[in-house]
PDB file of N, CA and C in Angstrom:
ATOM      1  N   MET A   1     -68.767 215.486 -81.884  1.00  0.00           N
ATOM      2  CA  MET A   1     -68.789 214.819 -80.554  1.00  0.00           C
ATOM      3  C   MET A   1     -69.297 213.366 -80.765  1.00  0.00           C
ATOM      4  N   LEU A   2     -68.593 212.518 -80.085  1.00  0.00           N
ATOM      5  CA  LEU A   2     -68.968 211.076 -80.007  1.00  0.00           C
ATOM      6  C   LEU A   2     -69.704 210.817 -78.680  1.00  0.00           C
ATOM      7  N   GLN A   3     -70.710 209.935 -78.816  1.00  0.00           N
ATOM      8  CA  GLN A   3     -71.465 209.586 -77.625  1.00  0.00           C
ATOM      9  C   GLN A   3     -70.966 208.160 -77.222  1.00  0.00           C
ATOM     10  N   ILE A   4     -70.646 208.020 -75.976  1.00  0.00           N
ATOM     11  CA  ILE A   4     -70.265 206.744 -75.357  1.00  0.00           C
ATOM     12  C   ILE A   4     -71.513 206.059 -74.971  1.00  0.00           C
ATOM     13  N   PRO A   5     -71.868 204.873 -75.622  1.00  0.00           N
ATOM     14  CA  PRO A   5     -73.101 204.238 -75.363  1.00  0.00           C
ATOM     15  C   PRO A   5     -73.283 203.779 -73.971  1.00  0.00           C
ATOM     16  N   GLU A   6     -72.267 203.270 -73.289  1.00  0.00           N
ATOM     17  CA  GLU A   6     -72.444 202.735 -71.912  1.00  0.00           C
ATOM     18  C   GLU A   6     -72.761 203.819 -70.915  1.00  0.00           C
ATOM     19  N   THR A   7     -72.228 205.052 -71.090  1.00  0.00           N
ATOM     20  CA  THR A   7     -72.457 206.081 -70.053  1.00  0.00           C
ATOM     21  C   THR A   7     -73.277 207.191 -70.449  1.00  0.00           C
ATOM     22  N   GLY A   8     -73.456 207.379 -71.833  1.00  0.00           N
ATOM     23  CA  GLY A   8     -74.302 208.454 -72.375  1.00  0.00           C
ATOM     24  C   GLY A   8     -73.438 209.684 -72.396  1.00  0.00           C
ATOM     25  N   GLN A   9     -72.137 209.625 -72.014  1.00  0.00           N
ATOM     26  CA  GLN A   9     -71.344 210.833 -71.953  1.00  0.00           C
ATOM     27  C   GLN A   9     -70.857 211.146 -73.420  1.00  0.00           C
ATOM     28  N   THR A  10     -70.491 212.411 -73.636  1.00  0.00           N
ATOM     29  CA  THR A  10     -69.952 212.715 -74.959  1.00  0.00           C
ATOM     30  C   THR A  10     -68.466 213.136 -74.865  1.00  0.00           C
ATOM     31  N   THR A  11     -67.715 212.933 -75.886  1.00  0.00           N
ATOM     32  CA  THR A  11     -66.381 213.304 -75.913  1.00  0.00           C
ATOM     33  C   THR A  11     -65.989 213.713 -77.283  1.00  0.00           C
ATOM     34  N   ALA A  12     -65.015 214.588 -77.386  1.00  0.00           N
ATOM     35  CA  ALA A  12     -64.505 215.053 -78.696  1.00  0.00           C
ATOM     36  C   ALA A  12     -63.686 213.918 -79.276  1.00  0.00           C
ATOM     37  N   ALA A  13     -63.717 213.685 -80.625  1.00  0.00           N
ATOM     38  CA  ALA A  13     -63.083 212.597 -81.283  1.00  0.00           C
ATOM     39  C   ALA A  13     -61.571 212.806 -81.181  1.00  0.00           C
ATOM     40  N   THR A  14     -61.029 213.994 -80.887  1.00  0.00           N
ATOM     41  CA  THR A  14     -59.569 214.244 -80.806  1.00  0.00           C
ATOM     42  C   THR A  14     -59.056 214.162 -79.366  1.00  0.00           C
ATOM     43  N   ASP A  15     -59.909 213.774 -78.431  1.00  0.00           N
ATOM     44  CA  ASP A  15     -59.464 213.699 -77.056  1.00  0.00           C
ATOM     45  C   ASP A  15     -58.422 212.612 -76.813  1.00  0.00           C
ATOM     46  N   LYS A  16     -58.413 211.532 -77.592  1.00  0.00           N
ATOM     47  CA  LYS A  16     -57.440 210.449 -77.420  1.00  0.00           C
ATOM     48  C   LYS A  16     -56.607 210.342 -78.731  1.00  0.00           C
ATOM     49  N   GLU A  17     -55.365 210.002 -78.549  1.00  0.00           N
ATOM     50  CA  GLU A  17     -54.541 209.696 -79.663  1.00  0.00           C
ATOM     51  C   GLU A  17     -54.675 208.270 -80.026  1.00  0.00           C
ATOM     52  N   LEU A  18     -54.427 207.917 -81.247  1.00  0.00           N
ATOM     53  CA  LEU A  18     -54.556 206.581 -81.697  1.00  0.00           C
ATOM     54  C   LEU A  18     -53.479 206.291 -82.689  1.00  0.00           C
ATOM     55  N   TYR A  19     -52.670 205.235 -82.401  1.00  0.00           N
ATOM     56  CA  TYR A  19     -51.559 204.811 -83.295  1.00  0.00           C
ATOM     57  C   TYR A  19     -51.726 203.527 -83.841  1.00  0.00           C
ATOM     58  N   LEU A  20     -51.237 203.258 -85.057  1.00  0.00           N
ATOM     59  CA  LEU A  20     -51.254 202.030 -85.746  1.00  0.00           C
ATOM     60  C   LEU A  20     -49.903 201.541 -86.089  1.00  0.00           C
ATOM     61  N   VAL A  21     -49.628 200.223 -85.827  1.00  0.00           N
ATOM     62  CA  VAL A  21     -48.352 199.641 -86.206  1.00  0.00           C
ATOM     63  C   VAL A  21     -48.696 198.555 -87.274  1.00  0.00           C
ATOM     64  N   TYR A  22     -48.091 198.650 -88.427  1.00  0.00           N
ATOM     65  CA  TYR A  22     -48.363 197.716 -89.460  1.00  0.00           C
ATOM     66  C   TYR A  22     -47.038 197.515 -90.352  1.00  0.00           C
ATOM     67  N   GLY A  23     -47.032 196.507 -91.145  1.00  0.00           N
ATOM     68  CA  GLY A  23     -45.838 196.325 -92.005  1.00  0.00           C
ATOM     69  C   GLY A  23     -46.122 195.117 -92.926  1.00  0.00           C
ATOM     70  N   GLY A  24     -45.014 194.931 -93.693  1.00  0.00           N
ATOM     71  CA  GLY A  24     -44.976 193.858 -94.673  1.00  0.00           C
ATOM     72  C   GLY A  24     -43.871 193.916 -95.611  1.00  0.00           C
ATOM     73  N   LYS A  25     -43.872 193.105 -96.682  1.00  0.00           N
ATOM     74  CA  LYS A  25     -42.776 193.118 -97.602  1.00  0.00           C
ATOM     75  C   LYS A  25     -42.844 194.380 -98.485  1.00  0.00           C
ATOM     76  N   ILE A  26     -41.657 194.984 -98.796  1.00  0.00           N
ATOM     77  CA  ILE A  26     -41.599 196.244 -99.562  1.00  0.00           C
ATOM     78  C   ILE A  26     -40.841 195.897-100.892  1.00  0.00           C
ATOM     79  N   GLU A  27     -41.113 196.710-101.892  1.00  0.00           N
ATOM     80  CA  GLU A  27     -40.410 196.541-103.134  1.00  0.00           C
ATOM     81  C   GLU A  27     -38.927 196.978-103.151  1.00  0.00           C
ATOM     82  N   ASP A  28     -38.544 198.080-102.424  1.00  0.00           N
ATOM     83  CA  ASP A  28     -37.227 198.529-102.367  1.00  0.00           C
ATOM     84  C   ASP A  28     -36.933 198.951-100.933  1.00  0.00           C
ATOM     85  N   PRO A  29     -35.857 198.426-100.326  1.00  0.00           N
ATOM     86  CA  PRO A  29     -35.521 198.831 -98.941  1.00  0.00           C
ATOM     87  C   PRO A  29     -35.423 200.290 -98.648  1.00  0.00           C
ATOM     88  N   ARG A  30     -35.148 201.058 -99.717  1.00  0.00           N
ATOM     89  CA  ARG A  30     -35.048 202.615 -99.541  1.00  0.00           C
ATOM     90  C   ARG A  30     -36.414 203.245 -99.666  1.00  0.00           C
ATOM     91  N   GLY A  31     -37.402 202.512 -99.981  1.00  0.00           N
ATOM     92  CA  GLY A  31     -38.709 203.131-100.171  1.00  0.00           C
ATOM     93  C   GLY A  31     -39.711 202.615 -99.207  1.00  0.00           C
ATOM     94  N   ASN A  32     -41.000 202.957 -99.459  1.00  0.00           N
ATOM     95  CA  ASN A  32     -42.160 202.755 -98.620  1.00  0.00           C
ATOM     96  C   ASN A  32     -43.249 201.928 -99.361  1.00  0.00           C
ATOM     97  N   ASP A  33     -42.976 201.532-100.576  1.00  0.00           N
ATOM     98  CA  ASP A  33     -44.076 200.905-101.372  1.00  0.00           C
ATOM     99  C   ASP A  33     -44.124 199.427-101.076  1.00  0.00           C
ATOM    100  N   PHE A  34     -45.304 199.000-100.505  1.00  0.00           N
ATOM    101  CA  PHE A  34     -45.480 197.563-100.125  1.00  0.00           C
ATOM    102  C   PHE A  34     -45.789 196.737-101.401  1.00  0.00           C
ATOM    103  N   VAL A  35     -45.251 195.504-101.401  1.00  0.00           N
ATOM    104  CA  VAL A  35     -45.408 194.660-102.561  1.00  0.00           C
ATOM    105  C   VAL A  35     -46.925 194.330-102.681  1.00  0.00           C
ATOM    106  N   ASP A  36     -47.589 193.955-101.522  1.00  0.00           N
ATOM    107  CA  ASP A  36     -49.024 193.582-101.657  1.00  0.00           C
ATOM    108  C   ASP A  36     -49.711 194.250-100.428  1.00  0.00           C
ATOM    109  N   PRO A  37     -50.254 195.471-100.684  1.00  0.00           N
ATOM    110  CA  PRO A  37     -50.916 196.124 -99.551  1.00  0.00           C
ATOM    111  C   PRO A  37     -52.050 195.314 -98.994  1.00  0.00           C
ATOM    112  N   GLY A  38     -52.651 194.477 -99.651  1.00  0.00           N
ATOM    113  CA  GLY A  38     -53.743 193.635 -99.117  1.00  0.00           C
ATOM    114  C   GLY A  38     -53.232 192.648 -98.151  1.00  0.00           C
ATOM    115  N   ALA A  39     -51.925 192.319 -98.177  1.00  0.00           N
ATOM    116  CA  ALA A  39     -51.375 191.367 -97.255  1.00  0.00           C
ATOM    117  C   ALA A  39     -50.599 191.992 -96.069  1.00  0.00           C
ATOM    118  N   LEU A  40     -50.875 193.222 -95.756  1.00  0.00           N
ATOM    119  CA  LEU A  40     -50.163 193.915 -94.775  1.00  0.00           C
ATOM    120  C   LEU A  40     -50.458 193.200 -93.378  1.00  0.00           C
ATOM    121  N   GLU A  41     -49.486 193.193 -92.576  1.00  0.00           N
ATOM    122  CA  GLU A  41     -49.713 192.602 -91.247  1.00  0.00           C
ATOM    123  C   GLU A  41     -49.994 193.860 -90.225  1.00  0.00           C
ATOM    124  N   ILE A  42     -51.167 193.713 -89.636  1.00  0.00           N
ATOM    125  CA  ILE A  42     -51.587 194.752 -88.674  1.00  0.00           C
ATOM    126  C   ILE A  42     -51.199 194.209 -87.356  1.00  0.00           C
ATOM    127  N   VAL A  43     -50.115 194.940 -86.755  1.00  0.00           N
ATOM    128  CA  VAL A  43     -49.642 194.545 -85.493  1.00  0.00           C
ATOM    129  C   VAL A  43     -50.533 194.953 -84.406  1.00  0.00           C
ATOM    130  N   GLY A  44     -51.148 196.108 -84.460  1.00  0.00           N
ATOM    131  CA  GLY A  44     -52.166 196.560 -83.452  1.00  0.00           C
ATOM    132  C   GLY A  44     -52.314 198.034 -83.509  1.00  0.00           C
ATOM    133  N   PHE A  45     -53.405 198.407 -82.754  1.00  0.00           N
ATOM    134  CA  PHE A  45     -53.813 199.835 -82.517  1.00  0.00           C
ATOM    135  C   PHE A  45     -53.469 200.089 -81.076  1.00  0.00           C
ATOM    136  N   TYR A  46     -52.956 201.321 -80.840  1.00  0.00           N
ATOM    137  CA  TYR A  46     -52.485 201.755 -79.516  1.00  0.00           C
ATOM    138  C   TYR A  46     -52.946 203.149 -79.210  1.00  0.00           C
ATOM    139  N   THR A  47     -53.304 203.328 -77.904  1.00  0.00           N
ATOM    140  CA  THR A  47     -53.744 204.638 -77.506  1.00  0.00           C
ATOM    141  C   THR A  47     -52.592 205.523 -76.955  1.00  0.00           C
ATOM    142  N   ALA A  48     -51.415 204.854 -76.701  1.00  0.00           N
ATOM    143  CA  ALA A  48     -50.280 205.524 -76.090  1.00  0.00           C
ATOM    144  C   ALA A  48     -49.077 205.339 -77.086  1.00  0.00           C
ATOM    145  N   TYR A  49     -48.412 206.450 -77.360  1.00  0.00           N
ATOM    146  CA  TYR A  49     -47.252 206.360 -78.236  1.00  0.00           C
ATOM    147  C   TYR A  49     -46.236 205.408 -77.710  1.00  0.00           C
ATOM    148  N   ASP A  50     -45.959 205.451 -76.446  1.00  0.00           N
ATOM    149  CA  ASP A  50     -44.879 204.568 -75.929  1.00  0.00           C
ATOM    150  C   ASP A  50     -45.241 203.126 -76.167  1.00  0.00           C
ATOM    151  N   GLU A  51     -46.483 202.663 -76.060  1.00  0.00           N
ATOM    152  CA  GLU A  51     -46.930 201.275 -76.261  1.00  0.00           C
ATOM    153  C   GLU A  51     -46.664 200.961 -77.760  1.00  0.00           C
ATOM    154  N   ALA A  52     -47.080 201.851 -78.643  1.00  0.00           N
ATOM    155  CA  ALA A  52     -46.921 201.679 -80.106  1.00  0.00           C
ATOM    156  C   ALA A  52     -45.413 201.532 -80.447  1.00  0.00           C
ATOM    157  N   LEU A  53     -44.613 202.429 -79.869  1.00  0.00           N
ATOM    158  CA  LEU A  53     -43.232 202.422 -80.177  1.00  0.00           C
ATOM    159  C   LEU A  53     -42.650 201.036 -79.670  1.00  0.00           C
ATOM    160  N   GLN A  54     -42.985 200.496 -78.484  1.00  0.00           N
ATOM    161  CA  GLN A  54     -42.503 199.321 -78.011  1.00  0.00           C
ATOM    162  C   GLN A  54     -42.887 198.103 -79.017  1.00  0.00           C
ATOM    163  N   ALA A  55     -44.199 198.227 -79.423  1.00  0.00           N
ATOM    164  CA  ALA A  55     -44.627 197.108 -80.392  1.00  0.00           C
ATOM    165  C   ALA A  55     -43.900 197.218 -81.705  1.00  0.00           C
ATOM    166  N   TRP A  56     -43.685 198.426 -82.133  1.00  0.00           N
ATOM    167  CA  TRP A  56     -42.937 198.638 -83.369  1.00  0.00           C
ATOM    168  C   TRP A  56     -41.520 198.072 -83.355  1.00  0.00           C
ATOM    169  N   ARG A  57     -40.803 198.449 -82.202  1.00  0.00           N
ATOM    170  CA  ARG A  57     -39.460 197.972 -81.994  1.00  0.00           C
ATOM    171  C   ARG A  57     -39.427 196.409 -81.932  1.00  0.00           C
ATOM    172  N   ALA A  58     -40.341 195.856 -81.274  1.00  0.00           N
ATOM    173  CA  ALA A  58     -40.334 194.349 -80.978  1.00  0.00           C
ATOM    174  C   ALA A  58     -40.579 193.680 -82.387  1.00  0.00           C
ATOM    175  N   VAL A  59     -41.532 194.076 -83.168  1.00  0.00           N
ATOM    176  CA  VAL A  59     -41.757 193.484 -84.343  1.00  0.00           C
ATOM    177  C   VAL A  59     -40.626 193.744 -85.412  1.00  0.00           C
ATOM    178  N   SER A  60     -40.107 194.911 -85.392  1.00  0.00           N
ATOM    179  CA  SER A  60     -38.945 195.307 -86.281  1.00  0.00           C
ATOM    180  C   SER A  60     -37.703 194.396 -85.979  1.00  0.00           C
ATOM    181  N   GLN A  61     -37.460 194.209 -84.677  1.00  0.00           N
ATOM    182  CA  GLN A  61     -36.311 193.356 -84.353  1.00  0.00           C
ATOM    183  C   GLN A  61     -36.514 191.930 -84.723  1.00  0.00           C
ATOM    184  N   GLN A  62     -37.702 191.408 -84.778  1.00  0.00           N
ATOM    185  CA  GLN A  62     -37.974 190.055 -85.281  1.00  0.00           C
ATOM    186  C   GLN A  62     -37.547 189.891 -86.690  1.00  0.00           C
ATOM    187  N   HIS A  63     -37.618 191.012 -87.455  1.00  0.00           N
ATOM    188  CA  HIS A  63     -37.374 190.954 -88.943  1.00  0.00           C
ATOM    189  C   HIS A  63     -36.045 191.698 -89.295  1.00  0.00           C
ATOM    190  N   ILE A  64     -35.190 191.836 -88.345  1.00  0.00           N
ATOM    191  CA  ILE A  64     -34.027 192.758 -88.552  1.00  0.00           C
ATOM    192  C   ILE A  64     -33.127 192.310 -89.723  1.00  0.00           C
ATOM    193  N   ASP A  65     -33.086 190.968 -90.038  1.00  0.00           N
ATOM    194  CA  ASP A  65     -32.238 190.503 -91.042  1.00  0.00           C
ATOM    195  C   ASP A  65     -32.944 190.382 -92.365  1.00  0.00           C
ATOM    196  N   GLU A  66     -34.169 190.852 -92.516  1.00  0.00           N
ATOM    197  CA  GLU A  66     -34.931 190.874 -93.745  1.00  0.00           C
ATOM    198  C   GLU A  66     -35.013 192.225 -94.252  1.00  0.00           C
ATOM    199  N   ALA A  67     -34.239 192.484 -95.315  1.00  0.00           N
ATOM    200  CA  ALA A  67     -34.117 193.898 -95.847  1.00  0.00           C
ATOM    201  C   ALA A  67     -35.331 194.275 -96.501  1.00  0.00           C
ATOM    202  N   PHE A  68     -36.161 193.398 -96.996  1.00  0.00           N
ATOM    203  CA  PHE A  68     -37.432 193.653 -97.722  1.00  0.00           C
ATOM    204  C   PHE A  68     -38.674 193.585 -96.874  1.00  0.00           C
ATOM    205  N   VAL A  69     -38.468 193.718 -95.592  1.00  0.00           N
ATOM    206  CA  VAL A  69     -39.690 193.739 -94.639  1.00  0.00           C
ATOM    207  C   VAL A  69     -39.531 195.000 -93.846  1.00  0.00           C
ATOM    208  N   LYS A  70     -40.584 195.802 -93.762  1.00  0.00           N
ATOM    209  CA  LYS A  70     -40.559 197.055 -93.078  1.00  0.00           C
ATOM    210  C   LYS A  70     -41.931 197.254 -92.261  1.00  0.00           C
ATOM    211  N   TYR A  71     -41.736 197.702 -91.081  1.00  0.00           N
ATOM    212  CA  TYR A  71     -42.871 198.096 -90.280  1.00  0.00           C
ATOM    213  C   TYR A  71     -42.946 199.597 -90.000  1.00  0.00           C
ATOM    214  N   ARG A  72     -44.129 200.105 -89.834  1.00  0.00           N
ATOM    215  CA  ARG A  72     -44.286 201.486 -89.664  1.00  0.00           C
ATOM    216  C   ARG A  72     -45.238 201.744 -88.436  1.00  0.00           C
ATOM    217  N   LEU A  73     -45.021 202.876 -87.868  1.00  0.00           N
ATOM    218  CA  LEU A  73     -45.831 203.385 -86.648  1.00  0.00           C
ATOM    219  C   LEU A  73     -46.391 204.713 -87.174  1.00  0.00           C
ATOM    220  N   VAL A  74     -47.704 204.815 -87.209  1.00  0.00           N
ATOM    221  CA  VAL A  74     -48.317 206.082 -87.671  1.00  0.00           C
ATOM    222  C   VAL A  74     -49.463 206.479 -86.676  1.00  0.00           C
ATOM    223  N   ARG A  75     -49.583 207.835 -86.474  1.00  0.00           N
ATOM    224  CA  ARG A  75     -50.648 208.331 -85.746  1.00  0.00           C
ATOM    225  C   ARG A  75     -51.872 208.464 -86.681  1.00  0.00           C
ATOM    226  N   ILE A  76     -53.019 207.979 -86.301  1.00  0.00           N
ATOM    227  CA  ILE A  76     -54.108 207.935 -87.151  1.00  0.00           C
ATOM    228  C   ILE A  76     -55.310 208.887 -86.807  1.00  0.00           C
ATOM    229  N   ASN A  77     -55.057 209.702 -85.814  1.00  0.00           N
ATOM    230  CA  ASN A  77     -56.021 210.719 -85.488  1.00  0.00           C
ATOM    231  C   ASN A  77     -55.363 211.957 -84.854  1.00  0.00           C
TER     232      ASN A  77
END
């Protein structure tokens, strides 16, 4: 259980979903191995899947012509 400092209320850690959108240059367009994991672009953290999907689509569309750039959307909890 996590305690929320402002209210003193407790909540289970799994009550909320959390998504991460990140990406960068990859070694092979057919794979998922990033060239420099230390240089990944963190697009953002989202509590709603629809928001994360919208962010992923927007950033992916910006790099549509770059075969060696890939963005991923992952659920992290």
